[in-house]
Amino acid sequence: MTAADPRIDAVRRFGRFYTGRIEALRDAYLGFGWSLAECRVLYELANREGVTAADLGRDLGLDGGYLSRILRRFAAEGLLAQERDPADGRIRLLRMTATGRDAFLPLDRKQNEVTGNILAGLPGAAANELVGAMRRIEELLGGAGGPAYVLRGLRPGDLGWLISRHGALYTEEYGWNGEFEVLVARIIAEAMERFDPAREGVWIAERDGVPVGSVMLVRVDDETAKLRVLLVEPAARGLGIGGRLIDECTAFSRRVGYRRIVLWTHSVLQGARRLYARAGYRLVASEPFEGFGQHLDSETWRLDL
């Protein structure tokens, strides 16, 4: 019988789909003679030092009796050894043997291959969207989620993403019309046509292969640089990405000898304004602005280096 809340059906449907997609229900996961639960225990043993049976049971949510049977099997097959904790002889530490590592490596390679095939079978940017959605599920359900983000330079496709996300986000969050996306496209096109990597830079914040933030620094004259197109995706806010992107522009500008950085923004962008103020920028000019389908107050901010 269908649950009253349609969200329950949706979550259960996804669970059925995904366990089938990764062949999780087979007695021998990926043809290696171990169940999915046994493979998870092997993974933990291969990637953790000095773990106890209690640790594994707690972290994997496995019944103690079931876990004990798995560990006994691994010990009998020579995959697992136990040793006393030097700090407390009453505690038994689990250690994967050399035989265990030799057995685990083909399984690990096969899992990478299967996962890689899933990603490779998706069109365009869908693979990155899938990874981002999985990370978000993990975060919402209380998982650690891995490294927060990395900063990198431009890659093919980044400029198109930067333009489209500015257009979409500013429409969703502030109701701005297509004029803003056109402006962003013009800014990027003009900057990249004369781009000088010795004096200018573009930084992309990336999370699990998915772009989640951007900033550009362009030359105005020999002493002045301009910070442009700062953006952080809503799902990635709160991680310090915006401040880090601004700091990268500041550090780069000092290295190459600029004496100041300027930027153009609007009073309605309160989050960005707080970041600029925190980084030492000060408001130097403000005037009414008619554009993007809105009545706005445009602002110029400056940071002296």
Protein backbone atom coordinates (compact mmCIF):
# COMPACT_ATOMS: atom_id res chain seq x y z
CA MET A 1 0.00 0.00 0.00
CA THR A 2 1.35 3.45 -0.92
CA ALA A 3 2.39 5.67 1.98
CA ALA A 4 0.35 8.83 2.56
CA ASP A 5 3.38 11.08 2.11
CA PRO A 6 4.50 10.88 -1.56
CA ARG A 7 8.05 11.73 -0.48
CA ILE A 8 8.28 8.36 1.25
CA ASP A 9 7.50 6.60 -2.02
CA ALA A 10 10.10 8.74 -3.80
CA VAL A 11 12.86 7.89 -1.32
CA ARG A 12 12.02 4.18 -1.36
CA ARG A 13 11.85 4.16 -5.16
CA PHE A 14 15.32 5.72 -5.35
CA GLY A 15 16.64 3.14 -2.89
CA ARG A 16 15.29 0.28 -4.99
CA PHE A 17 16.65 1.80 -8.18
CA TYR A 18 20.13 2.50 -6.84
CA THR A 19 20.68 -0.83 -5.09
CA GLY A 20 19.72 -2.52 -8.34
CA ARG A 21 21.95 -0.21 -10.40
CA ILE A 22 25.07 -1.09 -8.38
CA GLU A 23 24.12 -4.79 -8.07
CA ALA A 24 24.04 -4.50 -4.29
CA LEU A 25 21.55 -7.35 -3.82
CA ARG A 26 23.67 -10.10 -5.33
CA ASP A 27 25.09 -12.71 -2.96
CA ALA A 28 28.53 -12.15 -4.47
CA TYR A 29 28.99 -8.42 -5.05
CA LEU A 30 30.63 -7.75 -8.44
CA GLY A 31 31.49 -11.45 -8.70
CA PHE A 32 34.14 -11.46 -5.97
CA GLY A 33 32.55 -13.96 -3.61
CA TRP A 34 31.70 -11.42 -0.89
CA SER A 35 28.41 -9.73 -0.09
CA LEU A 36 28.12 -5.95 -0.21
CA ALA A 37 28.37 -5.83 3.61
CA GLU A 38 31.57 -7.91 3.53
CA CYS A 39 33.02 -5.63 0.86
CA ARG A 40 32.27 -2.61 3.05
CA VAL A 41 34.09 -4.22 5.97
CA LEU A 42 37.06 -4.98 3.69
CA TYR A 43 37.13 -1.36 2.54
CA GLU A 44 37.24 -0.10 6.12
CA LEU A 45 40.00 -2.53 7.04
CA ALA A 46 42.03 -1.46 4.00
CA ASN A 47 41.68 2.24 4.76
CA ARG A 48 41.83 2.43 8.55
CA GLU A 49 44.61 1.60 10.96
CA GLY A 50 44.04 0.30 14.46
CA VAL A 51 40.29 -0.19 14.13
CA THR A 52 38.34 -2.40 16.54
CA ALA A 53 35.32 -4.60 15.91
CA ALA A 54 33.28 -2.20 18.03
CA ASP A 55 34.40 0.69 15.79
CA LEU A 56 33.32 -1.16 12.66
CA GLY A 57 29.99 -2.21 14.09
CA ARG A 58 29.18 1.34 15.17
CA ASP A 59 30.33 3.09 12.01
CA LEU A 60 28.76 0.61 9.58
CA GLY A 61 25.61 -0.01 11.60
CA LEU A 62 26.15 -3.78 11.54
CA ASP A 63 24.73 -6.24 14.05
CA GLY A 64 27.47 -7.51 16.36
CA GLY A 65 26.81 -11.17 15.67
CA TYR A 66 26.75 -10.65 11.90
CA LEU A 67 29.98 -8.64 12.01
CA SER A 68 31.66 -11.33 14.13
CA ARG A 69 30.84 -13.96 11.51
CA ILE A 70 32.31 -11.75 8.77
CA LEU A 71 35.50 -11.17 10.76
CA ARG A 72 35.88 -14.87 11.54
CA ARG A 73 35.59 -15.68 7.84
CA PHE A 74 38.22 -13.08 6.94
CA ALA A 75 40.57 -14.41 9.62
CA ALA A 76 40.10 -17.99 8.39
CA GLU A 77 40.91 -16.88 4.83
CA GLY A 78 44.07 -15.10 6.01
CA LEU A 79 42.74 -11.64 5.14
CA LEU A 80 42.64 -10.35 8.70
CA ALA A 81 44.91 -10.44 11.76
CA GLN A 82 44.34 -9.24 15.30
CA GLU A 83 46.85 -7.74 17.70
CA ARG A 84 46.70 -6.28 21.19
CA ASP A 85 46.50 -2.53 21.60
CA PRO A 86 49.88 -1.42 23.04
CA ALA A 87 48.07 1.10 25.23
CA ASP A 88 45.47 -1.34 26.53
CA GLY A 89 46.06 -5.08 26.26
CA ARG A 90 42.37 -5.80 26.71
CA ILE A 91 41.58 -4.25 23.31
CA ARG A 92 42.06 -6.20 20.06
CA LEU A 93 43.01 -4.16 17.00
CA LEU A 94 42.11 -5.44 13.55
CA ARG A 95 44.68 -5.30 10.76
CA MET A 96 44.40 -6.32 7.13
CA THR A 97 47.15 -8.73 6.15
CA ALA A 98 49.24 -8.61 2.98
CA THR A 99 47.04 -11.40 1.64
CA GLY A 100 44.00 -9.31 2.45
CA ARG A 101 45.38 -6.31 0.58
CA ASP A 102 46.17 -8.47 -2.43
CA ALA A 103 42.59 -9.72 -2.39
CA PHE A 104 41.09 -6.26 -1.88
CA LEU A 105 42.92 -4.44 -4.69
CA PRO A 106 41.10 -6.18 -7.60
CA LEU A 107 37.77 -5.48 -5.88
CA ASP A 108 38.69 -1.83 -5.44
CA ARG A 109 39.72 -1.55 -9.10
CA LYS A 110 36.47 -3.21 -10.21
CA GLN A 111 34.40 -0.81 -8.12
CA ASN A 112 36.24 2.12 -9.71
CA GLU A 113 35.63 0.64 -13.14
CA VAL A 114 31.89 0.12 -12.56
CA THR A 115 31.48 3.62 -11.13
CA GLY A 116 33.52 5.12 -13.95
CA ASN A 117 31.29 3.39 -16.50
CA ILE A 118 28.19 4.86 -14.87
CA LEU A 119 29.66 8.37 -15.06
CA ALA A 120 30.97 7.88 -18.59
CA GLY A 121 27.53 6.81 -19.76
CA LEU A 122 25.98 10.15 -18.83
CA PRO A 123 25.79 12.98 -21.38
CA GLY A 124 27.54 16.34 -21.05
CA ALA A 125 27.60 17.82 -17.57
CA ALA A 126 25.17 15.21 -16.19
CA ALA A 127 28.00 13.30 -14.50
CA ASN A 128 28.97 16.36 -12.49
CA GLU A 129 25.32 16.98 -11.64
CA LEU A 130 25.02 13.40 -10.39
CA VAL A 131 28.08 13.75 -8.15
CA GLY A 132 26.83 17.05 -6.77
CA ALA A 133 23.39 15.57 -6.05
CA MET A 134 24.97 12.59 -4.26
CA ARG A 135 27.10 14.89 -2.13
CA ARG A 136 24.02 16.90 -1.22
CA ILE A 137 22.15 13.74 -0.20
CA GLU A 138 25.11 12.75 1.96
CA GLU A 139 25.20 16.16 3.64
CA LEU A 140 21.46 16.22 4.31
CA LEU A 141 21.62 12.78 5.90
CA GLY A 142 24.51 13.77 8.16
CA GLY A 143 27.52 12.48 6.23
CA ALA A 144 30.89 14.18 6.33
CA GLY A 145 30.89 14.78 2.58
CA GLY A 146 34.65 14.70 1.97
CA PRO A 147 36.85 17.73 1.22
CA ALA A 148 34.83 20.94 1.12
CA TYR A 149 36.21 22.38 -2.13
CA VAL A 150 39.32 23.13 -4.17
CA LEU A 151 40.32 26.21 -6.16
CA ARG A 152 41.60 25.81 -9.69
CA GLY A 153 42.09 27.71 -12.92
CA LEU A 154 39.94 27.73 -16.04
CA ARG A 155 38.97 24.60 -17.93
CA PRO A 156 36.97 24.23 -21.16
CA GLY A 157 33.30 24.86 -20.46
CA ASP A 158 33.86 27.02 -17.35
CA LEU A 159 33.06 30.31 -19.07
CA GLY A 160 29.73 29.03 -20.36
CA TRP A 161 28.89 27.74 -16.88
CA LEU A 162 29.86 31.06 -15.33
CA ILE A 163 27.57 33.01 -17.66
CA SER A 164 24.60 30.66 -17.36
CA ARG A 165 24.78 30.37 -13.57
CA HIS A 166 24.97 34.13 -13.12
CA GLY A 167 21.89 34.50 -15.32
CA ALA A 168 19.94 31.75 -13.56
CA LEU A 169 20.86 32.59 -9.96
CA TYR A 170 20.29 36.33 -10.17
CA THR A 171 16.91 35.71 -11.74
CA GLU A 172 15.96 33.20 -9.05
CA GLU A 173 17.25 35.21 -6.10
CA TYR A 174 16.71 38.84 -7.15
CA GLY A 175 14.31 38.75 -10.08
CA TRP A 176 16.79 40.29 -12.52
CA ASN A 177 16.02 39.88 -16.21
CA GLY A 178 18.13 38.69 -19.13
CA GLU A 179 20.00 42.01 -19.38
CA PHE A 180 22.23 40.85 -16.54
CA GLU A 181 23.22 37.60 -18.25
CA VAL A 182 24.04 39.57 -21.40
CA LEU A 183 26.22 41.92 -19.33
CA VAL A 184 28.08 39.00 -17.73
CA ALA A 185 28.65 37.46 -21.17
CA ARG A 186 30.02 40.78 -22.43
CA ILE A 187 32.30 41.21 -19.39
CA ILE A 188 33.76 37.73 -19.83
CA ALA A 189 34.13 38.02 -23.59
CA GLU A 190 35.94 41.34 -23.37
CA ALA A 191 38.19 40.13 -20.57
CA MET A 192 39.15 36.88 -22.28
CA GLU A 193 39.83 38.50 -25.67
CA ARG A 194 42.74 40.42 -24.11
CA PHE A 195 43.46 38.13 -21.16
CA ASP A 196 46.99 38.47 -19.75
CA PRO A 197 47.75 35.61 -17.30
CA ALA A 198 50.71 37.56 -15.92
CA ARG A 199 48.40 40.34 -14.69
CA GLU A 200 44.94 38.78 -14.62
CA GLY A 201 43.32 35.66 -13.24
CA VAL A 202 40.21 33.53 -13.07
CA TRP A 203 39.57 31.16 -10.15
CA ILE A 204 36.95 28.42 -10.03
CA ALA A 205 35.89 26.76 -6.78
CA GLU A 206 35.13 23.11 -7.41
CA ARG A 207 33.48 20.47 -5.27
CA ASP A 208 33.61 16.80 -6.33
CA GLY A 209 34.31 17.89 -9.89
CA VAL A 210 31.39 20.35 -9.93
CA PRO A 211 31.99 24.15 -10.21
CA VAL A 212 30.42 25.94 -7.25
CA GLY A 213 32.06 29.37 -7.30
CA SER A 214 34.00 31.83 -9.42
CA VAL A 215 35.81 35.14 -9.49
CA MET A 216 37.77 37.08 -12.09
CA LEU A 217 40.46 39.73 -11.69
CA VAL A 218 41.08 41.99 -14.72
CA ARG A 219 43.53 44.80 -15.37
CA VAL A 220 42.24 48.38 -15.44
CA ASP A 221 45.66 50.05 -15.63
CA ASP A 222 49.17 49.39 -14.32
CA GLU A 223 48.15 50.23 -10.74
CA THR A 224 44.51 49.15 -10.64
CA ALA A 225 42.77 45.77 -10.98
CA LYS A 226 39.04 45.07 -10.99
CA LEU A 227 37.30 42.18 -9.24
CA ARG A 228 34.47 40.78 -11.34
CA VAL A 229 31.81 38.01 -11.52
CA LEU A 230 32.08 36.74 -7.94
CA LEU A 231 29.60 33.90 -7.50
CA VAL A 232 28.99 31.09 -5.00
CA GLU A 233 26.33 28.45 -5.59
CA PRO A 234 23.62 28.41 -2.88
CA ALA A 235 24.39 24.80 -1.88
CA ALA A 236 28.05 25.72 -1.29
CA ARG A 237 27.50 28.86 0.77
CA GLY A 238 28.76 28.83 4.34
CA LEU A 239 31.99 27.02 3.43
CA GLY A 240 34.09 30.20 3.18
CA ILE A 241 34.34 30.00 -0.61
CA GLY A 242 33.41 33.64 -1.27
CA GLY A 243 36.00 34.99 1.16
CA ARG A 244 38.63 32.62 -0.18
CA LEU A 245 38.02 33.75 -3.77
CA ILE A 246 38.32 37.39 -2.75
CA ASP A 247 41.52 36.62 -0.84
CA GLU A 248 43.00 34.93 -3.92
CA CYS A 249 42.42 38.09 -5.92
CA THR A 250 44.05 40.18 -3.20
CA ALA A 251 47.12 37.95 -2.90
CA PHE A 252 47.54 37.79 -6.69
CA SER A 253 47.21 41.58 -7.02
CA ARG A 254 49.91 42.16 -4.42
CA ARG A 255 52.25 39.67 -6.08
CA VAL A 256 52.02 41.34 -9.48
CA GLY A 257 52.27 44.90 -8.13
CA TYR A 258 48.81 46.42 -8.29
CA ARG A 259 48.20 49.23 -5.79
CA ARG A 260 44.43 48.89 -5.55
CA ILE A 261 41.44 46.71 -6.48
CA VAL A 262 38.04 48.15 -7.38
CA LEU A 263 34.69 46.47 -7.92
CA TRP A 264 31.16 47.32 -8.99
CA THR A 265 28.18 45.90 -7.13
CA HIS A 266 24.68 46.79 -5.92
CA SER A 267 23.32 47.52 -2.47
CA VAL A 268 20.82 44.66 -2.70
CA LEU A 269 23.66 42.10 -2.75
CA GLN A 270 24.04 42.11 1.01
CA GLY A 271 25.98 38.85 1.28
CA ALA A 272 28.62 39.96 -1.20
CA ARG A 273 28.88 43.38 0.44
CA ARG A 274 29.61 41.77 3.81
CA LEU A 275 32.39 39.73 2.23
CA TYR A 276 33.93 42.82 0.64
CA ALA A 277 33.82 44.76 3.90
CA ARG A 278 35.36 41.84 5.79
CA ALA A 279 38.20 41.74 3.24
CA GLY A 280 38.98 45.42 3.81
CA TYR A 281 37.13 47.02 0.90
CA ARG A 282 35.37 50.32 1.50
CA LEU A 283 32.44 51.89 -0.29
CA VAL A 284 33.63 54.94 -2.26
CA ALA A 285 30.64 55.79 -4.50
CA SER A 286 26.93 55.03 -4.86
CA GLU A 287 24.30 56.11 -7.37
CA PRO A 288 20.85 55.07 -8.60
CA PHE A 289 20.90 52.48 -11.39
CA GLU A 290 18.12 51.44 -13.75
CA GLY A 291 18.82 48.03 -15.21
CA PHE A 292 18.13 44.29 -15.19
CA GLY A 293 14.42 45.17 -14.87
CA GLN A 294 15.02 46.73 -11.45
CA HIS A 295 15.49 50.07 -9.67
CA LEU A 296 18.84 49.58 -7.95
CA ASP A 297 21.61 51.46 -6.18
CA SER A 298 24.94 50.66 -7.79
CA GLU A 299 28.12 50.90 -5.72
CA THR A 300 31.86 51.17 -6.27
CA TRP A 301 34.13 49.62 -3.62
CA ARG A 302 37.90 49.90 -3.34
CA LEU A 303 40.68 48.07 -1.55
CA ASP A 304 44.06 49.82 -1.22
CA LEU A 305 46.94 47.36 -1.24
